[in-house]
Structures are given as C-alpha cells and as structure tokens.
C-alpha cells in the first residue's frame, strides 16, 4: 500500500537494504529507499 502511494506521488526507488529492519515478528525486513525531486533551489544561497 505504501509503495503504491509513494510511487503515485512521484517517489522513485534508488536502492534497497535487505536487512534494513530486524522484526521480532517476521525477521529481517527489506527496506526500499525512495526519493522525490522537488522544484526548489539545489544549494544553500550564500554558501
């Protein structure tokens, strides 16, 4: 559900961690890293 929501909102996968979480219920949980580019300045002004 969450993956579908984030994809609909323009987030894209850029990597995975197969042992991202260690759940006491289900063992290792793979994490999907996602990002979305925004229309904002790319660098701090004045830096």
ModelCIF file with pLDDT and N, C-alpha, C, O atoms, coordinates in Angstrom:
data_MODEL
#
_entry.id   MODEL 
#
_entity.id                         1 
_entity.type                       polymer 
_entity.pdbx_number_of_molecules   1 
#
_entity_poly.entity_id                      1 
_entity_poly.type                           'polypeptide(L)' 
_entity_poly.nstd_linkage                   no 
_entity_poly.nstd_monomer                   no 
_entity_poly.pdbx_seq_one_letter_code       
;(UNK)(UNK)(UNK)(UNK)(UNK)(UNK)(UNK)(UNK)(UNK)(UNK)(UNK)(UNK)(UNK)(UNK)(UNK)(UNK)
(UNK)(UNK)(UNK)(UNK)(UNK)(UNK)(UNK)(UNK)(UNK)(UNK)(UNK)(UNK)(UNK)(UNK)(UNK)(UNK)
(UNK)(UNK)(UNK)(UNK)(UNK)(UNK)(UNK)(UNK)(UNK)(UNK)(UNK)(UNK)(UNK)(UNK)(UNK)
;
_entity_poly.pdbx_seq_one_letter_code_can   XXXXXXXXXXXXXXXXXXXXXXXXXXXXXXXXXXXXXXXXXXXXXXX 
_entity_poly.pdbx_strand_id                 A 
#
loop_
_entity_poly_seq.entity_id 
_entity_poly_seq.num 
_entity_poly_seq.mon_id 
_entity_poly_seq.hetero 
1 1  UNK n 
1 2  UNK n 
1 3  UNK n 
1 4  UNK n 
1 5  UNK n 
1 6  UNK n 
1 7  UNK n 
1 8  UNK n 
1 9  UNK n 
1 10 UNK n 
1 11 UNK n 
1 12 UNK n 
1 13 UNK n 
1 14 UNK n 
1 15 UNK n 
1 16 UNK n 
1 17 UNK n 
1 18 UNK n 
1 19 UNK n 
1 20 UNK n 
1 21 UNK n 
1 22 UNK n 
1 23 UNK n 
1 24 UNK n 
1 25 UNK n 
1 26 UNK n 
1 27 UNK n 
1 28 UNK n 
1 29 UNK n 
1 30 UNK n 
1 31 UNK n 
1 32 UNK n 
1 33 UNK n 
1 34 UNK n 
1 35 UNK n 
1 36 UNK n 
1 37 UNK n 
1 38 UNK n 
1 39 UNK n 
1 40 UNK n 
1 41 UNK n 
1 42 UNK n 
1 43 UNK n 
1 44 UNK n 
1 45 UNK n 
1 46 UNK n 
1 47 UNK n 
#
_struct_asym.id          A 
_struct_asym.entity_id   1 
#
loop_
_ma_qa_metric.id 
_ma_qa_metric.mode 
_ma_qa_metric.name 
_ma_qa_metric.software_group_id 
_ma_qa_metric.type 
1 global pLDDT . pLDDT 
2 local  pLDDT . pLDDT 
#
_ma_qa_metric_global.metric_id      1 
_ma_qa_metric_global.metric_value   88.40 
_ma_qa_metric_global.model_id       1 
_ma_qa_metric_global.ordinal_id     1 
#
loop_
_ma_qa_metric_local.label_asym_id 
_ma_qa_metric_local.label_comp_id 
_ma_qa_metric_local.label_seq_id 
_ma_qa_metric_local.metric_id 
_ma_qa_metric_local.metric_value 
_ma_qa_metric_local.model_id 
_ma_qa_metric_local.ordinal_id 
A UNK 1  2 95.00 1 1  
A UNK 2  2 96.00 1 2  
A UNK 3  2 97.00 1 3  
A UNK 4  2 97.00 1 4  
A UNK 5  2 97.00 1 5  
A UNK 6  2 98.00 1 6  
A UNK 7  2 98.00 1 7  
A UNK 8  2 97.00 1 8  
A UNK 9  2 97.00 1 9  
A UNK 10 2 97.00 1 10 
A UNK 11 2 98.00 1 11 
A UNK 12 2 98.00 1 12 
A UNK 13 2 98.00 1 13 
A UNK 14 2 98.00 1 14 
A UNK 15 2 98.00 1 15 
A UNK 16 2 98.00 1 16 
A UNK 17 2 98.00 1 17 
A UNK 18 2 98.00 1 18 
A UNK 19 2 97.00 1 19 
A UNK 20 2 95.00 1 20 
A UNK 21 2 95.00 1 21 
A UNK 22 2 96.00 1 22 
A UNK 23 2 95.00 1 23 
A UNK 24 2 92.00 1 24 
A UNK 25 2 92.00 1 25 
A UNK 26 2 92.00 1 26 
A UNK 27 2 96.00 1 27 
A UNK 28 2 97.00 1 28 
A UNK 29 2 96.00 1 29 
A UNK 30 2 98.00 1 30 
A UNK 31 2 97.00 1 31 
A UNK 32 2 98.00 1 32 
A UNK 33 2 98.00 1 33 
A UNK 34 2 98.00 1 34 
A UNK 35 2 98.00 1 35 
A UNK 36 2 98.00 1 36 
A UNK 37 2 97.00 1 37 
A UNK 38 2 96.00 1 38 
A UNK 39 2 84.00 1 39 
A UNK 40 2 60.00 1 40 
A UNK 41 2 57.00 1 41 
A UNK 42 2 53.00 1 42 
A UNK 43 2 49.00 1 43 
A UNK 44 2 49.00 1 44 
A UNK 45 2 45.00 1 45 
A UNK 46 2 42.00 1 46 
A UNK 47 2 42.00 1 47 
#
loop_
_atom_site.group_PDB 
_atom_site.id 
_atom_site.type_symbol 
_atom_site.label_atom_id 
_atom_site.label_alt_id 
_atom_site.label_comp_id 
_atom_site.label_asym_id 
_atom_site.label_entity_id 
_atom_site.label_seq_id 
_atom_site.pdbx_PDB_ins_code 
_atom_site.Cartn_x 
_atom_site.Cartn_y 
_atom_site.Cartn_z 
_atom_site.occupancy 
_atom_site.B_iso_or_equiv 
_atom_site.pdbx_formal_charge 
_atom_site.auth_seq_id 
_atom_site.auth_comp_id 
_atom_site.auth_asym_id 
_atom_site.auth_atom_id 
_atom_site.pdbx_PDB_model_num 
ATOM 1   N N  . UNK A 1 1  ? 0.836  -1.209  0.000  1.00 95.00 ? 1  UNK A N  1 
ATOM 2   C CA . UNK A 1 1  ? 0.000  0.000   0.000  1.00 95.00 ? 1  UNK A CA 1 
ATOM 3   C C  . UNK A 1 1  ? 0.866  1.253   0.000  1.00 95.00 ? 1  UNK A C  1 
ATOM 4   O O  . UNK A 1 1  ? 0.644  2.179   -0.780 1.00 95.00 ? 1  UNK A O  1 
ATOM 5   N N  . UNK A 1 2  ? 1.852  1.266   0.884  1.00 96.00 ? 2  UNK A N  1 
ATOM 6   C CA . UNK A 1 2  ? 2.712  2.441   0.990  1.00 96.00 ? 2  UNK A CA 1 
ATOM 7   C C  . UNK A 1 2  ? 3.549  2.628   -0.273 1.00 96.00 ? 2  UNK A C  1 
ATOM 8   O O  . UNK A 1 2  ? 3.696  3.747   -0.766 1.00 96.00 ? 2  UNK A O  1 
ATOM 9   N N  . UNK A 1 3  ? 4.096  1.531   -0.792 1.00 97.00 ? 3  UNK A N  1 
ATOM 10  C CA . UNK A 1 3  ? 4.884  1.632   -2.030 1.00 97.00 ? 3  UNK A CA 1 
ATOM 11  C C  . UNK A 1 3  ? 4.047  2.212   -3.166 1.00 97.00 ? 3  UNK A C  1 
ATOM 12  O O  . UNK A 1 3  ? 4.526  3.058   -3.922 1.00 97.00 ? 3  UNK A O  1 
ATOM 13  N N  . UNK A 1 4  ? 2.808  1.763   -3.289 1.00 97.00 ? 4  UNK A N  1 
ATOM 14  C CA . UNK A 1 4  ? 1.930  2.274   -4.337 1.00 97.00 ? 4  UNK A CA 1 
ATOM 15  C C  . UNK A 1 4  ? 1.635  3.763   -4.128 1.00 97.00 ? 4  UNK A C  1 
ATOM 16  O O  . UNK A 1 4  ? 1.648  4.542   -5.080 1.00 97.00 ? 4  UNK A O  1 
ATOM 17  N N  . UNK A 1 5  ? 1.371  4.147   -2.887 1.00 97.00 ? 5  UNK A N  1 
ATOM 18  C CA . UNK A 1 5  ? 1.099  5.551   -2.572 1.00 97.00 ? 5  UNK A CA 1 
ATOM 19  C C  . UNK A 1 5  ? 2.288  6.428   -2.939 1.00 97.00 ? 5  UNK A C  1 
ATOM 20  O O  . UNK A 1 5  ? 2.132  7.443   -3.618 1.00 97.00 ? 5  UNK A O  1 
ATOM 21  N N  . UNK A 1 6  ? 3.470  6.035   -2.490 1.00 98.00 ? 6  UNK A N  1 
ATOM 22  C CA . UNK A 1 6  ? 4.647  6.865   -2.751 1.00 98.00 ? 6  UNK A CA 1 
ATOM 23  C C  . UNK A 1 6  ? 4.952  6.932   -4.250 1.00 98.00 ? 6  UNK A C  1 
ATOM 24  O O  . UNK A 1 6  ? 5.352  7.983   -4.752 1.00 98.00 ? 6  UNK A O  1 
ATOM 25  N N  . UNK A 1 7  ? 4.770  5.836   -4.957 1.00 98.00 ? 7  UNK A N  1 
ATOM 26  C CA . UNK A 1 7  ? 5.005  5.838   -6.400 1.00 98.00 ? 7  UNK A CA 1 
ATOM 27  C C  . UNK A 1 7  ? 4.025  6.781   -7.091 1.00 98.00 ? 7  UNK A C  1 
ATOM 28  O O  . UNK A 1 7  ? 4.418  7.534   -7.983 1.00 98.00 ? 7  UNK A O  1 
ATOM 29  N N  . UNK A 1 8  ? 2.750  6.749   -6.689 1.00 97.00 ? 8  UNK A N  1 
ATOM 30  C CA . UNK A 1 8  ? 1.752  7.664   -7.267 1.00 97.00 ? 8  UNK A CA 1 
ATOM 31  C C  . UNK A 1 8  ? 2.113  9.119   -7.000 1.00 97.00 ? 8  UNK A C  1 
ATOM 32  O O  . UNK A 1 8  ? 1.756  9.999   -7.783 1.00 97.00 ? 8  UNK A O  1 
ATOM 33  N N  . UNK A 1 9  ? 2.813  9.378   -5.908 1.00 97.00 ? 9  UNK A N  1 
ATOM 34  C CA . UNK A 1 9  ? 3.185  10.751  -5.563 1.00 97.00 ? 9  UNK A CA 1 
ATOM 35  C C  . UNK A 1 9  ? 4.545  11.144  -6.132 1.00 97.00 ? 9  UNK A C  1 
ATOM 36  O O  . UNK A 1 9  ? 5.088  12.183  -5.758 1.00 97.00 ? 9  UNK A O  1 
ATOM 37  N N  . UNK A 1 10 ? 5.100  10.340  -7.022 1.00 97.00 ? 10 UNK A N  1 
ATOM 38  C CA . UNK A 1 10 ? 6.316  10.726  -7.730 1.00 97.00 ? 10 UNK A CA 1 
ATOM 39  C C  . UNK A 1 10 ? 7.617  10.284  -7.101 1.00 97.00 ? 10 UNK A C  1 
ATOM 40  O O  . UNK A 1 10 ? 8.683  10.698  -7.557 1.00 97.00 ? 10 UNK A O  1 
ATOM 41  N N  . UNK A 1 11 ? 7.572  9.457   -6.069 1.00 98.00 ? 11 UNK A N  1 
ATOM 42  C CA . UNK A 1 11 ? 8.802  8.939   -5.476 1.00 98.00 ? 11 UNK A CA 1 
ATOM 43  C C  . UNK A 1 11 ? 9.315  7.774   -6.319 1.00 98.00 ? 11 UNK A C  1 
ATOM 44  O O  . UNK A 1 11 ? 8.533  6.980   -6.841 1.00 98.00 ? 11 UNK A O  1 
ATOM 45  N N  . UNK A 1 12 ? 10.634 7.682   -6.444 1.00 98.00 ? 12 UNK A N  1 
ATOM 46  C CA . UNK A 1 12 ? 11.246 6.597   -7.197 1.00 98.00 ? 12 UNK A CA 1 
ATOM 47  C C  . UNK A 1 12 ? 12.249 5.872   -6.301 1.00 98.00 ? 12 UNK A C  1 
ATOM 48  O O  . UNK A 1 12 ? 12.889 6.473   -5.438 1.00 98.00 ? 12 UNK A O  1 
ATOM 49  N N  . UNK A 1 13 ? 12.364 4.584   -6.526 1.00 98.00 ? 13 UNK A N  1 
ATOM 50  C CA . UNK A 1 13 ? 13.302 3.765   -5.762 1.00 98.00 ? 13 UNK A CA 1 
ATOM 51  C C  . UNK A 1 13 ? 14.730 4.076   -6.196 1.00 98.00 ? 13 UNK A C  1 
ATOM 52  O O  . UNK A 1 13 ? 15.008 4.233   -7.385 1.00 98.00 ? 13 UNK A O  1 
ATOM 53  N N  . UNK A 1 14 ? 15.641 4.163   -5.211 1.00 98.00 ? 14 UNK A N  1 
ATOM 54  C CA . UNK A 1 14 ? 17.055 4.337   -5.558 1.00 98.00 ? 14 UNK A CA 1 
ATOM 55  C C  . UNK A 1 14 ? 17.957 3.320   -4.867 1.00 98.00 ? 14 UNK A C  1 
ATOM 56  O O  . UNK A 1 14 ? 19.180 3.404   -4.975 1.00 98.00 ? 14 UNK A O  1 
ATOM 57  N N  . UNK A 1 15 ? 17.366 2.364   -4.162 1.00 98.00 ? 15 UNK A N  1 
ATOM 58  C CA . UNK A 1 15 ? 18.175 1.328   -3.544 1.00 98.00 ? 15 UNK A CA 1 
ATOM 59  C C  . UNK A 1 15 ? 17.370 0.510   -2.553 1.00 98.00 ? 15 UNK A C  1 
ATOM 60  O O  . UNK A 1 15 ? 16.227 0.833   -2.231 1.00 98.00 ? 15 UNK A O  1 
ATOM 61  N N  . UNK A 1 16 ? 18.004 -0.571  -2.073 1.00 98.00 ? 16 UNK A N  1 
ATOM 62  C CA . UNK A 1 16 ? 17.354 -1.448  -1.100 1.00 98.00 ? 16 UNK A CA 1 
ATOM 63  C C  . UNK A 1 16 ? 18.379 -1.918  -0.075 1.00 98.00 ? 16 UNK A C  1 
ATOM 64  O O  . UNK A 1 16 ? 19.574 -2.027  -0.352 1.00 98.00 ? 16 UNK A O  1 
ATOM 65  N N  . UNK A 1 17 ? 17.865 -2.189  1.109  1.00 98.00 ? 17 UNK A N  1 
ATOM 66  C CA . UNK A 1 17 ? 18.671 -2.780  2.172  1.00 98.00 ? 17 UNK A CA 1 
ATOM 67  C C  . UNK A 1 17 ? 17.944 -4.044  2.614  1.00 98.00 ? 17 UNK A C  1 
ATOM 68  O O  . UNK A 1 17 ? 16.930 -3.950  3.305  1.00 98.00 ? 17 UNK A O  1 
ATOM 69  N N  . UNK A 1 18 ? 18.433 -5.226  2.235  1.00 98.00 ? 18 UNK A N  1 
ATOM 70  C CA . UNK A 1 18 ? 17.721 -6.467  2.536  1.00 98.00 ? 18 UNK A CA 1 
ATOM 71  C C  . UNK A 1 18 ? 17.597 -6.765  4.024  1.00 98.00 ? 18 UNK A C  1 
ATOM 72  O O  . UNK A 1 18 ? 16.741 -7.556  4.419  1.00 98.00 ? 18 UNK A O  1 
ATOM 73  N N  . UNK A 1 19 ? 18.426 -6.154  4.852  1.00 97.00 ? 19 UNK A N  1 
ATOM 74  C CA . UNK A 1 19 ? 18.347 -6.340  6.296  1.00 97.00 ? 19 UNK A CA 1 
ATOM 75  C C  . UNK A 1 19 ? 18.144 -4.993  6.991  1.00 97.00 ? 19 UNK A C  1 
ATOM 76  O O  . UNK A 1 19 ? 18.784 -4.700  8.001  1.00 97.00 ? 19 UNK A O  1 
ATOM 77  N N  . UNK A 1 20 ? 17.253 -4.184  6.439  1.00 95.00 ? 20 UNK A N  1 
ATOM 78  C CA . UNK A 1 20 ? 17.027 -2.838  6.959  1.00 95.00 ? 20 UNK A CA 1 
ATOM 79  C C  . UNK A 1 20 ? 16.445 -2.812  8.350  1.00 95.00 ? 20 UNK A C  1 
ATOM 80  O O  . UNK A 1 20 ? 16.913 -2.056  9.201  1.00 95.00 ? 20 UNK A O  1 
ATOM 81  N N  . UNK A 1 21 ? 15.431 -3.625  8.599  1.00 95.00 ? 21 UNK A N  1 
ATOM 82  C CA . UNK A 1 21 ? 14.839 -3.781  9.930  1.00 95.00 ? 21 UNK A CA 1 
ATOM 83  C C  . UNK A 1 21 ? 14.996 -5.229  10.344 1.00 95.00 ? 21 UNK A C  1 
ATOM 84  O O  . UNK A 1 21 ? 15.069 -6.124  9.502  1.00 95.00 ? 21 UNK A O  1 
ATOM 85  N N  . UNK A 1 22 ? 15.047 -5.451  11.647 1.00 96.00 ? 22 UNK A N  1 
ATOM 86  C CA . UNK A 1 22 ? 15.003 -6.812  12.188 1.00 96.00 ? 22 UNK A CA 1 
ATOM 87  C C  . UNK A 1 22 ? 13.774 -6.885  13.077 1.00 96.00 ? 22 UNK A C  1 
ATOM 88  O O  . UNK A 1 22 ? 13.792 -6.429  14.220 1.00 96.00 ? 22 UNK A O  1 
ATOM 89  N N  . UNK A 1 23 ? 12.713 -7.459  12.543 1.00 95.00 ? 23 UNK A N  1 
ATOM 90  C CA . UNK A 1 23 ? 11.433 -7.536  13.231 1.00 95.00 ? 23 UNK A CA 1 
ATOM 91  C C  . UNK A 1 23 ? 11.388 -8.749  14.149 1.00 95.00 ? 23 UNK A C  1 
ATOM 92  O O  . UNK A 1 23 ? 11.862 -9.827  13.789 1.00 95.00 ? 23 UNK A O  1 
ATOM 93  N N  . UNK A 1 24 ? 10.816 -8.570  15.337 1.00 92.00 ? 24 UNK A N  1 
ATOM 94  C CA . UNK A 1 24 ? 10.644 -9.708  16.235 1.00 92.00 ? 24 UNK A CA 1 
ATOM 95  C C  . UNK A 1 24 ? 9.483  -10.589 15.769 1.00 92.00 ? 24 UNK A C  1 
ATOM 96  O O  . UNK A 1 24 ? 9.287  -11.683 16.297 1.00 92.00 ? 24 UNK A O  1 
ATOM 97  N N  . UNK A 1 25 ? 8.718  -10.124 14.791 1.00 92.00 ? 25 UNK A N  1 
ATOM 98  C CA . UNK A 1 25 ? 7.592  -10.886 14.245 1.00 92.00 ? 25 UNK A CA 1 
ATOM 99  C C  . UNK A 1 25 ? 7.990  -11.651 12.985 1.00 92.00 ? 25 UNK A C  1 
ATOM 100 O O  . UNK A 1 25 ? 7.695  -12.838 12.847 1.00 92.00 ? 25 UNK A O  1 
ATOM 101 N N  . UNK A 1 26 ? 8.666  -10.955 12.065 1.00 92.00 ? 26 UNK A N  1 
ATOM 102 C CA . UNK A 1 26 ? 8.917  -11.547 10.752 1.00 92.00 ? 26 UNK A CA 1 
ATOM 103 C C  . UNK A 1 26 ? 10.384 -11.681 10.367 1.00 92.00 ? 26 UNK A C  1 
ATOM 104 O O  . UNK A 1 26 ? 10.688 -12.064 9.237  1.00 92.00 ? 26 UNK A O  1 
ATOM 105 N N  . UNK A 1 27 ? 11.289 -11.376 11.274 1.00 96.00 ? 27 UNK A N  1 
ATOM 106 C CA . UNK A 1 27 ? 12.713 -11.462 10.937 1.00 96.00 ? 27 UNK A CA 1 
ATOM 107 C C  . UNK A 1 27 ? 13.163 -10.235 10.166 1.00 96.00 ? 27 UNK A C  1 
ATOM 108 O O  . UNK A 1 27 ? 12.617 -9.144  10.333 1.00 96.00 ? 27 UNK A O  1 
ATOM 109 N N  . UNK A 1 28 ? 14.166 -10.425 9.319  1.00 97.00 ? 28 UNK A N  1 
ATOM 110 C CA . UNK A 1 28 ? 14.686 -9.294  8.551  1.00 97.00 ? 28 UNK A CA 1 
ATOM 111 C C  . UNK A 1 28 ? 13.628 -8.768  7.590  1.00 97.00 ? 28 UNK A C  1 
ATOM 112 O O  . UNK A 1 28 ? 12.922 -9.534  6.935  1.00 97.00 ? 28 UNK A O  1 
ATOM 113 N N  . UNK A 1 29 ? 13.536 -7.445  7.521  1.00 96.00 ? 29 UNK A N  1 
ATOM 114 C CA . UNK A 1 29 ? 12.631 -6.779  6.598  1.00 96.00 ? 29 UNK A CA 1 
ATOM 115 C C  . UNK A 1 29 ? 13.464 -5.925  5.649  1.00 96.00 ? 29 UNK A C  1 
ATOM 116 O O  . UNK A 1 29 ? 14.292 -5.121  6.077  1.00 96.00 ? 29 UNK A O  1 
ATOM 117 N N  . UNK A 1 30 ? 13.232 -6.113  4.367  1.00 98.00 ? 30 UNK A N  1 
ATOM 118 C CA . UNK A 1 30 ? 13.939 -5.330  3.362  1.00 98.00 ? 30 UNK A CA 1 
ATOM 119 C C  . UNK A 1 30 ? 13.363 -3.920  3.301  1.00 98.00 ? 30 UNK A C  1 
ATOM 120 O O  . UNK A 1 30 ? 12.147 -3.735  3.259  1.00 98.00 ? 30 UNK A O  1 
ATOM 121 N N  . UNK A 1 31 ? 14.251 -2.928  3.296  1.00 97.00 ? 31 UNK A N  1 
ATOM 122 C CA . UNK A 1 31 ? 13.839 -1.539  3.153  1.00 97.00 ? 31 UNK A CA 1 
ATOM 123 C C  . UNK A 1 31 ? 14.073 -1.063  1.731  1.00 97.00 ? 31 UNK A C  1 
ATOM 124 O O  . UNK A 1 31 ? 15.122 -1.319  1.139  1.00 97.00 ? 31 UNK A O  1 
ATOM 125 N N  . UNK A 1 32 ? 13.085 -0.367  1.193  1.00 98.00 ? 32 UNK A N  1 
ATOM 126 C CA . UNK A 1 32 ? 13.196 0.277   -0.114 1.00 98.00 ? 32 UNK A CA 1 
ATOM 127 C C  . UNK A 1 32 ? 13.460 1.754   0.151  1.00 98.00 ? 32 UNK A C  1 
ATOM 128 O O  . UNK A 1 32 ? 12.693 2.406   0.860  1.00 98.00 ? 32 UNK A O  1 
ATOM 129 N N  . UNK A 1 33 ? 14.539 2.280   -0.414 1.00 98.00 ? 33 UNK A N  1 
ATOM 130 C CA . UNK A 1 33 ? 14.860 3.695   -0.300 1.00 98.00 ? 33 UNK A CA 1 
ATOM 131 C C  . UNK A 1 33 ? 14.248 4.412   -1.498 1.00 98.00 ? 33 UNK A C  1 
ATOM 132 O O  . UNK A 1 33 ? 14.473 4.035   -2.648 1.00 98.00 ? 33 UNK A O  1 
ATOM 133 N N  . UNK A 1 34 ? 13.469 5.453   -1.208 1.00 98.00 ? 34 UNK A N  1 
ATOM 134 C CA . UNK A 1 34 ? 12.794 6.197   -2.272 1.00 98.00 ? 34 UNK A CA 1 
ATOM 135 C C  . UNK A 1 34 ? 13.082 7.687   -2.110 1.00 98.00 ? 34 UNK A C  1 
ATOM 136 O O  . UNK A 1 34 ? 13.360 8.171   -1.013 1.00 98.00 ? 34 UNK A O  1 
ATOM 137 N N  . UNK A 1 35 ? 13.008 8.389   -3.218 1.00 98.00 ? 35 UNK A N  1 
ATOM 138 C CA . UNK A 1 35 ? 13.222 9.830   -3.187 1.00 98.00 ? 35 UNK A CA 1 
ATOM 139 C C  . UNK A 1 35 ? 12.351 10.500  -4.240 1.00 98.00 ? 35 UNK A C  1 
ATOM 140 O O  . UNK A 1 35 ? 11.939 9.880   -5.220 1.00 98.00 ? 35 UNK A O  1 
ATOM 141 N N  . UNK A 1 36 ? 12.086 11.763  -4.016 1.00 98.00 ? 36 UNK A N  1 
ATOM 142 C CA . UNK A 1 36 ? 11.361 12.575  -4.993 1.00 98.00 ? 36 UNK A CA 1 
ATOM 143 C C  . UNK A 1 36 ? 12.087 13.899  -5.114 1.00 98.00 ? 36 UNK A C  1 
ATOM 144 O O  . UNK A 1 36 ? 12.379 14.562  -4.119 1.00 98.00 ? 36 UNK A O  1 
ATOM 145 N N  . UNK A 1 37 ? 12.374 14.274  -6.355 1.00 97.00 ? 37 UNK A N  1 
ATOM 146 C CA . UNK A 1 37 ? 12.992 15.572  -6.591 1.00 97.00 ? 37 UNK A CA 1 
ATOM 147 C C  . UNK A 1 37 ? 11.918 16.644  -6.507 1.00 97.00 ? 37 UNK A C  1 
ATOM 148 O O  . UNK A 1 37 ? 10.787 16.442  -6.948 1.00 97.00 ? 37 UNK A O  1 
ATOM 149 N N  . UNK A 1 38 ? 12.285 17.791  -5.932 1.00 96.00 ? 38 UNK A N  1 
ATOM 150 C CA . UNK A 1 38 ? 11.360 18.899  -5.737 1.00 96.00 ? 38 UNK A CA 1 
ATOM 151 C C  . UNK A 1 38 ? 11.826 20.112  -6.526 1.00 96.00 ? 38 UNK A C  1 
ATOM 152 O O  . UNK A 1 38 ? 13.007 20.237  -6.851 1.00 96.00 ? 38 UNK A O  1 
ATOM 153 N N  . UNK A 1 39 ? 10.904 20.993  -6.826 1.00 84.00 ? 39 UNK A N  1 
ATOM 154 C CA . UNK A 1 39 ? 11.230 22.238  -7.510 1.00 84.00 ? 39 UNK A CA 1 
ATOM 155 C C  . UNK A 1 39 ? 11.675 23.268  -6.489 1.00 84.00 ? 39 UNK A C  1 
ATOM 156 O O  . UNK A 1 39 ? 10.922 24.172  -6.126 1.00 84.00 ? 39 UNK A O  1 
ATOM 157 N N  . UNK A 1 40 ? 12.908 23.116  -6.033 1.00 60.00 ? 40 UNK A N  1 
ATOM 158 C CA . UNK A 1 40 ? 13.463 24.018  -5.024 1.00 60.00 ? 40 UNK A CA 1 
ATOM 159 C C  . UNK A 1 40 ? 14.940 24.228  -5.333 1.00 60.00 ? 40 UNK A C  1 
ATOM 160 O O  . UNK A 1 40 ? 15.539 23.431  -6.055 1.00 60.00 ? 40 UNK A O  1 
ATOM 161 N N  . UNK A 1 41 ? 15.532 25.288  -4.796 1.00 57.00 ? 41 UNK A N  1 
ATOM 162 C CA . UNK A 1 41 ? 16.960 25.534  -5.044 1.00 57.00 ? 41 UNK A CA 1 
ATOM 163 C C  . UNK A 1 41 ? 17.812 24.333  -4.645 1.00 57.00 ? 41 UNK A C  1 
ATOM 164 O O  . UNK A 1 41 ? 17.527 23.656  -3.657 1.00 57.00 ? 41 UNK A O  1 
ATOM 165 N N  . UNK A 1 42 ? 18.854 24.079  -5.419 1.00 53.00 ? 42 UNK A N  1 
ATOM 166 C CA . UNK A 1 42 ? 19.699 22.906  -5.179 1.00 53.00 ? 42 UNK A CA 1 
ATOM 167 C C  . UNK A 1 42 ? 20.840 23.180  -4.211 1.00 53.00 ? 42 UNK A C  1 
ATOM 168 O O  . UNK A 1 42 ? 21.504 22.241  -3.771 1.00 53.00 ? 42 UNK A O  1 
ATOM 169 N N  . UNK A 1 43 ? 21.084 24.429  -3.871 1.00 49.00 ? 43 UNK A N  1 
ATOM 170 C CA . UNK A 1 43 ? 22.201 24.741  -2.981 1.00 49.00 ? 43 UNK A CA 1 
ATOM 171 C C  . UNK A 1 43 ? 21.815 25.893  -2.064 1.00 49.00 ? 43 UNK A C  1 
ATOM 172 O O  . UNK A 1 43 ? 20.968 26.720  -2.402 1.00 49.00 ? 43 UNK A O  1 
ATOM 173 N N  . UNK A 1 44 ? 22.435 25.931  -0.925 1.00 49.00 ? 44 UNK A N  1 
ATOM 174 C CA . UNK A 1 44 ? 22.167 26.993  0.034  1.00 49.00 ? 44 UNK A CA 1 
ATOM 175 C C  . UNK A 1 44 ? 22.664 28.319  -0.529 1.00 49.00 ? 44 UNK A C  1 
ATOM 176 O O  . UNK A 1 44 ? 23.817 28.430  -0.945 1.00 49.00 ? 44 UNK A O  1 
ATOM 177 N N  . UNK A 1 45 ? 21.802 29.309  -0.539 1.00 45.00 ? 45 UNK A N  1 
ATOM 178 C CA . UNK A 1 45 ? 22.171 30.628  -1.035 1.00 45.00 ? 45 UNK A CA 1 
ATOM 179 C C  . UNK A 1 45 ? 23.228 31.228  -0.128 1.00 45.00 ? 45 UNK A C  1 
ATOM 180 O O  . UNK A 1 45 ? 23.093 31.200  1.095  1.00 45.00 ? 45 UNK A O  1 
ATOM 181 N N  . UNK A 1 46 ? 24.276 31.769  -0.723 1.00 42.00 ? 46 UNK A N  1 
ATOM 182 C CA . UNK A 1 46 ? 25.311 32.422  0.052  1.00 42.00 ? 46 UNK A CA 1 
ATOM 183 C C  . UNK A 1 46 ? 26.401 31.485  0.557  1.00 42.00 ? 46 UNK A C  1 
ATOM 184 O O  . UNK A 1 46 ? 27.333 31.936  1.222  1.00 42.00 ? 46 UNK A O  1 
ATOM 185 N N  . UNK A 1 47 ? 26.307 30.213  0.262  1.00 42.00 ? 47 UNK A N  1 
ATOM 186 C CA . UNK A 1 47 ? 27.314 29.275  0.717  1.00 42.00 ? 47 UNK A CA 1 
ATOM 187 C C  . UNK A 1 47 ? 28.495 29.310  -0.237 1.00 42.00 ? 47 UNK A C  1 
ATOM 188 O O  . UNK A 1 47 ? 29.471 28.586  -0.038 1.00 42.00 ? 47 UNK A O  1 
#
